[in-house]
Full PDB file with SEQRES, HELIX, SHEET, SSBOND, CRYST1, ORIGX, SCALE, CONECT and MASTER records, all heavy atoms in Angstrom:
SEQRES   1 A   30  LEU LEU ALA GLY GLN THR PRO GLN ARG ILE VAL LEU ILE          
SEQRES   2 A   30  ALA GLY ALA SER GLY VAL GLY LYS SER THR LEU LEU ARG          
SEQRES   3 A   30  GLN THR VAL ARG                                              
HELIX    1 AA1 LYS A   21  VAL A   29  1                                   9    
CRYST1    1.000    1.000    1.000  90.00  90.00  90.00 P 1           1          
ORIGX1      1.000000  0.000000  0.000000        0.00000                         
ORIGX2      0.000000  1.000000  0.000000        0.00000                         
ORIGX3      0.000000  0.000000  1.000000        0.00000                         
SCALE1      1.000000  0.000000  0.000000        0.00000                         
SCALE2      0.000000  1.000000  0.000000        0.00000                         
SCALE3      0.000000  0.000000  1.000000        0.00000                         
ATOM      1  N   LEU A   1       0.825  -1.201   0.000  1.00  0.00           N  
ATOM      2  CA  LEU A   1       0.000   0.000   0.000  1.00  0.00           C  
ATOM      3  C   LEU A   1       0.862   1.256   0.000  1.00  0.00           C  
ATOM      4  O   LEU A   1       0.640   2.184  -0.797  1.00  0.00           O  
ATOM      5  CB  LEU A   1      -0.915  -0.006   1.232  1.00  0.00           C  
ATOM      6  CG  LEU A   1      -1.777   1.238   1.470  1.00  0.00           C  
ATOM      7  CD1 LEU A   1      -2.887   1.326   0.426  1.00  0.00           C  
ATOM      8  CD2 LEU A   1      -2.359   1.216   2.874  1.00  0.00           C  
ATOM      9  N   LEU A   2       1.864   1.307   0.869  1.00  0.00           N  
ATOM     10  CA  LEU A   2       2.677   2.507   1.029  1.00  0.00           C  
ATOM     11  C   LEU A   2       3.779   2.620  -0.008  1.00  0.00           C  
ATOM     12  O   LEU A   2       4.495   3.627  -0.040  1.00  0.00           O  
ATOM     13  CB  LEU A   2       3.264   2.562   2.442  1.00  0.00           C  
ATOM     14  CG  LEU A   2       2.226   2.647   3.566  1.00  0.00           C  
ATOM     15  CD1 LEU A   2       2.903   2.815   4.910  1.00  0.00           C  
ATOM     16  CD2 LEU A   2       1.254   3.797   3.327  1.00  0.00           C  
ATOM     17  N   ALA A   3       3.916   1.611  -0.861  1.00  0.00           N  
ATOM     18  CA  ALA A   3       4.857   1.698  -1.982  1.00  0.00           C  
ATOM     19  C   ALA A   3       4.128   1.953  -3.298  1.00  0.00           C  
ATOM     20  O   ALA A   3       4.761   2.031  -4.350  1.00  0.00           O  
ATOM     21  CB  ALA A   3       5.684   0.411  -2.078  1.00  0.00           C  
ATOM     22  N   GLY A   4       2.794   2.071  -3.233  1.00  0.00           N  
ATOM     23  CA  GLY A   4       2.031   2.289  -4.456  1.00  0.00           C  
ATOM     24  C   GLY A   4       2.074   1.108  -5.401  1.00  0.00           C  
ATOM     25  O   GLY A   4       1.926   1.259  -6.618  1.00  0.00           O  
ATOM     26  N   GLN A   5       2.244  -0.099  -4.854  1.00  0.00           N  
ATOM     27  CA  GLN A   5       2.386  -1.295  -5.683  1.00  0.00           C  
ATOM     28  C   GLN A   5       1.072  -2.053  -5.877  1.00  0.00           C  
ATOM     29  O   GLN A   5       1.084  -3.179  -6.347  1.00  0.00           O  
ATOM     30  CB  GLN A   5       3.427  -2.234  -5.057  1.00  0.00           C  
ATOM     31  CG  GLN A   5       4.836  -1.680  -5.075  1.00  0.00           C  
ATOM     32  CD  GLN A   5       5.832  -2.617  -4.424  1.00  0.00           C  
ATOM     33  OE1 GLN A   5       5.478  -3.439  -3.578  1.00  0.00           O  
ATOM     34  NE2 GLN A   5       7.083  -2.515  -4.817  1.00  0.00           N  
ATOM     35  N   THR A   6      -0.020  -1.463  -5.500  1.00  0.00           N  
ATOM     36  CA  THR A   6      -1.304  -2.135  -5.616  1.00  0.00           C  
ATOM     37  C   THR A   6      -2.371  -1.127  -5.998  1.00  0.00           C  
ATOM     38  O   THR A   6      -2.340   0.021  -5.527  1.00  0.00           O  
ATOM     39  CB  THR A   6      -1.688  -2.828  -4.291  1.00  0.00           C  
ATOM     40  OG1 THR A   6      -3.021  -3.322  -4.393  1.00  0.00           O  
ATOM     41  CG2 THR A   6      -1.582  -1.869  -3.119  1.00  0.00           C  
ATOM     42  N   PRO A   7      -3.323  -1.509  -6.854  1.00  0.00           N  
ATOM     43  CA  PRO A   7      -4.433  -0.600  -7.153  1.00  0.00           C  
ATOM     44  C   PRO A   7      -5.433  -0.501  -6.003  1.00  0.00           C  
ATOM     45  O   PRO A   7      -6.282   0.384  -5.992  1.00  0.00           O  
ATOM     46  CB  PRO A   7      -5.080  -1.234  -8.391  1.00  0.00           C  
ATOM     47  CG  PRO A   7      -4.746  -2.682  -8.297  1.00  0.00           C  
ATOM     48  CD  PRO A   7      -3.384  -2.744  -7.654  1.00  0.00           C  
ATOM     49  N   GLN A   8      -5.327  -1.402  -5.018  1.00  0.00           N  
ATOM     50  CA  GLN A   8      -6.243  -1.401  -3.869  1.00  0.00           C  
ATOM     51  C   GLN A   8      -5.670  -0.492  -2.790  1.00  0.00           C  
ATOM     52  O   GLN A   8      -4.947  -0.926  -1.903  1.00  0.00           O  
ATOM     53  CB  GLN A   8      -6.438  -2.822  -3.357  1.00  0.00           C  
ATOM     54  CG  GLN A   8      -7.131  -3.732  -4.363  1.00  0.00           C  
ATOM     55  CD  GLN A   8      -7.177  -5.169  -3.915  1.00  0.00           C  
ATOM     56  OE1 GLN A   8      -6.164  -5.762  -3.575  1.00  0.00           O  
ATOM     57  NE2 GLN A   8      -8.368  -5.740  -3.909  1.00  0.00           N  
ATOM     58  N   ARG A   9      -6.018   0.796  -2.889  1.00  0.00           N  
ATOM     59  CA  ARG A   9      -5.444   1.792  -1.980  1.00  0.00           C  
ATOM     60  C   ARG A   9      -6.294   2.031  -0.742  1.00  0.00           C  
ATOM     61  O   ARG A   9      -6.106   2.997  -0.025  1.00  0.00           O  
ATOM     62  CB  ARG A   9      -5.182   3.092  -2.748  1.00  0.00           C  
ATOM     63  CG  ARG A   9      -3.992   2.960  -3.692  1.00  0.00           C  
ATOM     64  CD  ARG A   9      -3.674   4.236  -4.436  1.00  0.00           C  
ATOM     65  NE  ARG A   9      -4.696   4.551  -5.429  1.00  0.00           N  
ATOM     66  CZ  ARG A   9      -5.547   5.556  -5.346  1.00  0.00           C  
ATOM     67  NH1 ARG A   9      -5.537   6.349  -4.282  1.00  0.00           N  
ATOM     68  NH2 ARG A   9      -6.418   5.780  -6.300  1.00  0.00           N  
ATOM     69  N   ILE A  10      -7.239   1.135  -0.495  1.00  0.00           N  
ATOM     70  CA  ILE A  10      -7.998   1.116   0.757  1.00  0.00           C  
ATOM     71  C   ILE A  10      -7.799  -0.251   1.394  1.00  0.00           C  
ATOM     72  O   ILE A  10      -8.024  -1.273   0.740  1.00  0.00           O  
ATOM     73  CB  ILE A  10      -9.494   1.356   0.514  1.00  0.00           C  
ATOM     74  CG1 ILE A  10      -9.741   2.709  -0.154  1.00  0.00           C  
ATOM     75  CG2 ILE A  10     -10.274   1.270   1.830  1.00  0.00           C  
ATOM     76  CD1 ILE A  10     -11.174   2.914  -0.599  1.00  0.00           C  
ATOM     77  N   VAL A  11      -7.347  -0.278   2.632  1.00  0.00           N  
ATOM     78  CA  VAL A  11      -7.182  -1.532   3.362  1.00  0.00           C  
ATOM     79  C   VAL A  11      -8.140  -1.513   4.543  1.00  0.00           C  
ATOM     80  O   VAL A  11      -8.120  -0.583   5.366  1.00  0.00           O  
ATOM     81  CB  VAL A  11      -5.736  -1.725   3.854  1.00  0.00           C  
ATOM     82  CG1 VAL A  11      -5.634  -2.963   4.749  1.00  0.00           C  
ATOM     83  CG2 VAL A  11      -4.779  -1.854   2.671  1.00  0.00           C  
ATOM     84  N   LEU A  12      -9.006  -2.514   4.608  1.00  0.00           N  
ATOM     85  CA  LEU A  12      -9.963  -2.660   5.695  1.00  0.00           C  
ATOM     86  C   LEU A  12      -9.473  -3.771   6.617  1.00  0.00           C  
ATOM     87  O   LEU A  12      -9.260  -4.900   6.165  1.00  0.00           O  
ATOM     88  CB  LEU A  12     -11.347  -3.004   5.138  1.00  0.00           C  
ATOM     89  CG  LEU A  12     -11.933  -2.037   4.106  1.00  0.00           C  
ATOM     90  CD1 LEU A  12     -13.252  -2.577   3.570  1.00  0.00           C  
ATOM     91  CD2 LEU A  12     -12.114  -0.652   4.698  1.00  0.00           C  
ATOM     92  N   ILE A  13      -9.287  -3.450   7.890  1.00  0.00           N  
ATOM     93  CA  ILE A  13      -8.760  -4.417   8.856  1.00  0.00           C  
ATOM     94  C   ILE A  13      -9.837  -4.711   9.888  1.00  0.00           C  
ATOM     95  O   ILE A  13     -10.211  -3.835  10.675  1.00  0.00           O  
ATOM     96  CB  ILE A  13      -7.485  -3.888   9.534  1.00  0.00           C  
ATOM     97  CG1 ILE A  13      -6.421  -3.553   8.491  1.00  0.00           C  
ATOM     98  CG2 ILE A  13      -6.952  -4.909  10.533  1.00  0.00           C  
ATOM     99  CD1 ILE A  13      -5.167  -2.935   9.063  1.00  0.00           C  
ATOM    100  N   ALA A  14     -10.323  -5.928   9.880  1.00  0.00           N  
ATOM    101  CA  ALA A  14     -11.406  -6.318  10.789  1.00  0.00           C  
ATOM    102  C   ALA A  14     -10.890  -7.299  11.830  1.00  0.00           C  
ATOM    103  O   ALA A  14      -9.955  -8.064  11.599  1.00  0.00           O  
ATOM    104  CB  ALA A  14     -12.548  -6.958   9.994  1.00  0.00           C  
ATOM    105  N   GLY A  15     -11.516  -7.286  13.002  1.00  0.00           N  
ATOM    106  CA  GLY A  15     -11.143  -8.234  14.040  1.00  0.00           C  
ATOM    107  C   GLY A  15     -11.750  -7.858  15.371  1.00  0.00           C  
ATOM    108  O   GLY A  15     -12.106  -6.697  15.615  1.00  0.00           O  
ATOM    109  N   ALA A  16     -11.868  -8.837  16.250  1.00  0.00           N  
ATOM    110  CA  ALA A  16     -12.402  -8.596  17.585  1.00  0.00           C  
ATOM    111  C   ALA A  16     -11.372  -7.861  18.443  1.00  0.00           C  
ATOM    112  O   ALA A  16     -10.224  -7.658  18.037  1.00  0.00           O  
ATOM    113  CB  ALA A  16     -12.783  -9.929  18.230  1.00  0.00           C  
ATOM    114  N   SER A  17     -11.777  -7.500  19.637  1.00  0.00           N  
ATOM    115  CA  SER A  17     -10.856  -6.842  20.566  1.00  0.00           C  
ATOM    116  C   SER A  17      -9.706  -7.783  20.909  1.00  0.00           C  
ATOM    117  O   SER A  17      -9.898  -8.991  21.082  1.00  0.00           O  
ATOM    118  CB  SER A  17     -11.590  -6.442  21.852  1.00  0.00           C  
ATOM    119  OG  SER A  17     -12.595  -5.489  21.584  1.00  0.00           O  
ATOM    120  N   GLY A  18      -8.524  -7.206  21.005  1.00  0.00           N  
ATOM    121  CA  GLY A  18      -7.372  -7.967  21.468  1.00  0.00           C  
ATOM    122  C   GLY A  18      -6.633  -8.746  20.416  1.00  0.00           C  
ATOM    123  O   GLY A  18      -5.688  -9.478  20.748  1.00  0.00           O  
ATOM    124  N   VAL A  19      -6.995  -8.629  19.136  1.00  0.00           N  
ATOM    125  CA  VAL A  19      -6.295  -9.404  18.105  1.00  0.00           C  
ATOM    126  C   VAL A  19      -5.189  -8.598  17.429  1.00  0.00           C  
ATOM    127  O   VAL A  19      -4.524  -9.107  16.532  1.00  0.00           O  
ATOM    128  CB  VAL A  19      -7.267  -9.943  17.036  1.00  0.00           C  
ATOM    129  CG1 VAL A  19      -8.254 -10.912  17.650  1.00  0.00           C  
ATOM    130  CG2 VAL A  19      -7.985  -8.810  16.316  1.00  0.00           C  
ATOM    131  N   GLY A  20      -4.996  -7.345  17.835  1.00  0.00           N  
ATOM    132  CA  GLY A  20      -3.832  -6.607  17.347  1.00  0.00           C  
ATOM    133  C   GLY A  20      -4.094  -5.573  16.269  1.00  0.00           C  
ATOM    134  O   GLY A  20      -3.147  -5.152  15.600  1.00  0.00           O  
ATOM    135  N   LYS A  21      -5.346  -5.141  16.097  1.00  0.00           N  
ATOM    136  CA  LYS A  21      -5.623  -4.139  15.056  1.00  0.00           C  
ATOM    137  C   LYS A  21      -4.870  -2.838  15.337  1.00  0.00           C  
ATOM    138  O   LYS A  21      -4.184  -2.305  14.459  1.00  0.00           O  
ATOM    139  CB  LYS A  21      -7.123  -3.860  14.975  1.00  0.00           C  
ATOM    140  CG  LYS A  21      -7.983  -5.066  14.629  1.00  0.00           C  
ATOM    141  CD  LYS A  21      -9.439  -4.688  14.469  1.00  0.00           C  
ATOM    142  CE  LYS A  21     -10.053  -4.085  15.723  1.00  0.00           C  
ATOM    143  NZ  LYS A  21     -10.045  -5.003  16.879  1.00  0.00           N  
ATOM    144  N   SER A  22      -5.026  -2.328  16.553  1.00  0.00           N  
ATOM    145  CA  SER A  22      -4.398  -1.052  16.886  1.00  0.00           C  
ATOM    146  C   SER A  22      -2.878  -1.168  16.880  1.00  0.00           C  
ATOM    147  O   SER A  22      -2.174  -0.223  16.491  1.00  0.00           O  
ATOM    148  CB  SER A  22      -4.894  -0.557  18.245  1.00  0.00           C  
ATOM    149  OG  SER A  22      -6.295  -0.297  18.200  1.00  0.00           O  
ATOM    150  N   THR A  23      -2.361  -2.314  17.317  1.00  0.00           N  
ATOM    151  CA  THR A  23      -0.910  -2.524  17.269  1.00  0.00           C  
ATOM    152  C   THR A  23      -0.413  -2.468  15.837  1.00  0.00           C  
ATOM    153  O   THR A  23       0.622  -1.855  15.538  1.00  0.00           O  
ATOM    154  CB  THR A  23      -0.547  -3.872  17.902  1.00  0.00           C  
ATOM    155  OG1 THR A  23      -0.960  -3.881  19.269  1.00  0.00           O  
ATOM    156  CG2 THR A  23       0.952  -4.128  17.831  1.00  0.00           C  
ATOM    157  N   LEU A  24      -1.130  -3.107  14.936  1.00  0.00           N  
ATOM    158  CA  LEU A  24      -0.754  -3.086  13.525  1.00  0.00           C  
ATOM    159  C   LEU A  24      -0.765  -1.650  12.985  1.00  0.00           C  
ATOM    160  O   LEU A  24       0.137  -1.257  12.229  1.00  0.00           O  
ATOM    161  CB  LEU A  24      -1.715  -3.970  12.720  1.00  0.00           C  
ATOM    162  CG  LEU A  24      -1.413  -4.166  11.235  1.00  0.00           C  
ATOM    163  CD1 LEU A  24      -0.045  -4.801  11.029  1.00  0.00           C  
ATOM    164  CD2 LEU A  24      -2.495  -5.003  10.573  1.00  0.00           C  
ATOM    165  N   LEU A  25      -1.749  -0.860  13.393  1.00  0.00           N  
ATOM    166  CA  LEU A  25      -1.805   0.526  12.947  1.00  0.00           C  
ATOM    167  C   LEU A  25      -0.648   1.343  13.517  1.00  0.00           C  
ATOM    168  O   LEU A  25      -0.079   2.193  12.821  1.00  0.00           O  
ATOM    169  CB  LEU A  25      -3.136   1.156  13.341  1.00  0.00           C  
ATOM    170  CG  LEU A  25      -4.395   0.591  12.675  1.00  0.00           C  
ATOM    171  CD1 LEU A  25      -5.591   1.494  12.973  1.00  0.00           C  
ATOM    172  CD2 LEU A  25      -4.224   0.435  11.180  1.00  0.00           C  
ATOM    173  N   ARG A  26      -0.278   1.092  14.772  1.00  0.00           N  
ATOM    174  CA  ARG A  26       0.846   1.832  15.353  1.00  0.00           C  
ATOM    175  C   ARG A  26       2.134   1.535  14.604  1.00  0.00           C  
ATOM    176  O   ARG A  26       2.954   2.430  14.354  1.00  0.00           O  
ATOM    177  CB  ARG A  26       0.992   1.488  16.841  1.00  0.00           C  
ATOM    178  CG  ARG A  26      -0.061   2.139  17.731  1.00  0.00           C  
ATOM    179  CD  ARG A  26       0.332   2.064  19.196  1.00  0.00           C  
ATOM    180  NE  ARG A  26       0.360   0.689  19.678  1.00  0.00           N  
ATOM    181  CZ  ARG A  26      -0.687   0.047  20.185  1.00  0.00           C  
ATOM    182  NH1 ARG A  26      -1.859   0.667  20.269  1.00  0.00           N  
ATOM    183  NH2 ARG A  26      -0.587  -1.188  20.624  1.00  0.00           N  
ATOM    184  N   GLN A  27       2.327   0.285  14.239  1.00  0.00           N  
ATOM    185  CA  GLN A  27       3.517  -0.071  13.469  1.00  0.00           C  
ATOM    186  C   GLN A  27       3.467   0.569  12.076  1.00  0.00           C  
ATOM    187  O   GLN A  27       4.495   0.973  11.525  1.00  0.00           O  
ATOM    188  CB  GLN A  27       3.630  -1.593  13.352  1.00  0.00           C  
ATOM    189  CG  GLN A  27       3.822  -2.308  14.672  1.00  0.00           C  
ATOM    190  CD  GLN A  27       5.069  -1.842  15.402  1.00  0.00           C  
ATOM    191  OE1 GLN A  27       6.171  -1.876  14.846  1.00  0.00           O  
ATOM    192  NE2 GLN A  27       4.902  -1.400  16.636  1.00  0.00           N  
ATOM    193  N   THR A  28       2.272   0.673  11.532  1.00  0.00           N  
ATOM    194  CA  THR A  28       2.123   1.308  10.223  1.00  0.00           C  
ATOM    195  C   THR A  28       2.509   2.781  10.284  1.00  0.00           C  
ATOM    196  O   THR A  28       3.167   3.301   9.384  1.00  0.00           O  
ATOM    197  CB  THR A  28       0.668   1.161   9.726  1.00  0.00           C  
ATOM    198  OG1 THR A  28       0.357  -0.233   9.595  1.00  0.00           O  
ATOM    199  CG2 THR A  28       0.478   1.845   8.386  1.00  0.00           C  
ATOM    200  N   VAL A  29       2.102   3.466  11.360  1.00  0.00           N  
ATOM    201  CA  VAL A  29       2.468   4.873  11.533  1.00  0.00           C  
ATOM    202  C   VAL A  29       3.982   5.025  11.624  1.00  0.00           C  
ATOM    203  O   VAL A  29       4.572   5.930  11.014  1.00  0.00           O  
ATOM    204  CB  VAL A  29       1.777   5.462  12.781  1.00  0.00           C  
ATOM    205  CG1 VAL A  29       2.323   6.850  13.093  1.00  0.00           C  
ATOM    206  CG2 VAL A  29       0.265   5.529  12.575  1.00  0.00           C  
ATOM    207  N   ARG A  30       4.626   4.127  12.368  1.00  0.00           N  
ATOM    208  CA  ARG A  30       6.091   4.171  12.475  1.00  0.00           C  
ATOM    209  C   ARG A  30       6.734   3.956  11.114  1.00  0.00           C  
ATOM    210  O   ARG A  30       7.679   4.657  10.737  1.00  0.00           O  
ATOM    211  CB  ARG A  30       6.581   3.097  13.451  1.00  0.00           C  
ATOM    212  CG  ARG A  30       6.314   3.384  14.910  1.00  0.00           C  
ATOM    213  CD  ARG A  30       6.909   2.294  15.787  1.00  0.00           C  
ATOM    214  NE  ARG A  30       8.334   2.107  15.499  1.00  0.00           N  
ATOM    215  CZ  ARG A  30       9.009   0.975  15.726  1.00  0.00           C  
ATOM    216  NH1 ARG A  30       8.378  -0.077  16.232  1.00  0.00           N  
ATOM    217  NH2 ARG A  30      10.291   0.896  15.451  1.00  0.00           N  
TER     218      ARG A  30                                                      
MASTER        0    0    0    1    0    0    0    6  217    1    0    3          
END                                                                             
């Protein structure tokens, strides 16, 4: 996504509490 290597420029991340969604986003920000 961040290299512009895909036409799918929207990523939807689904999951219950505690499976790491916010952690994944924090790493993405870094």
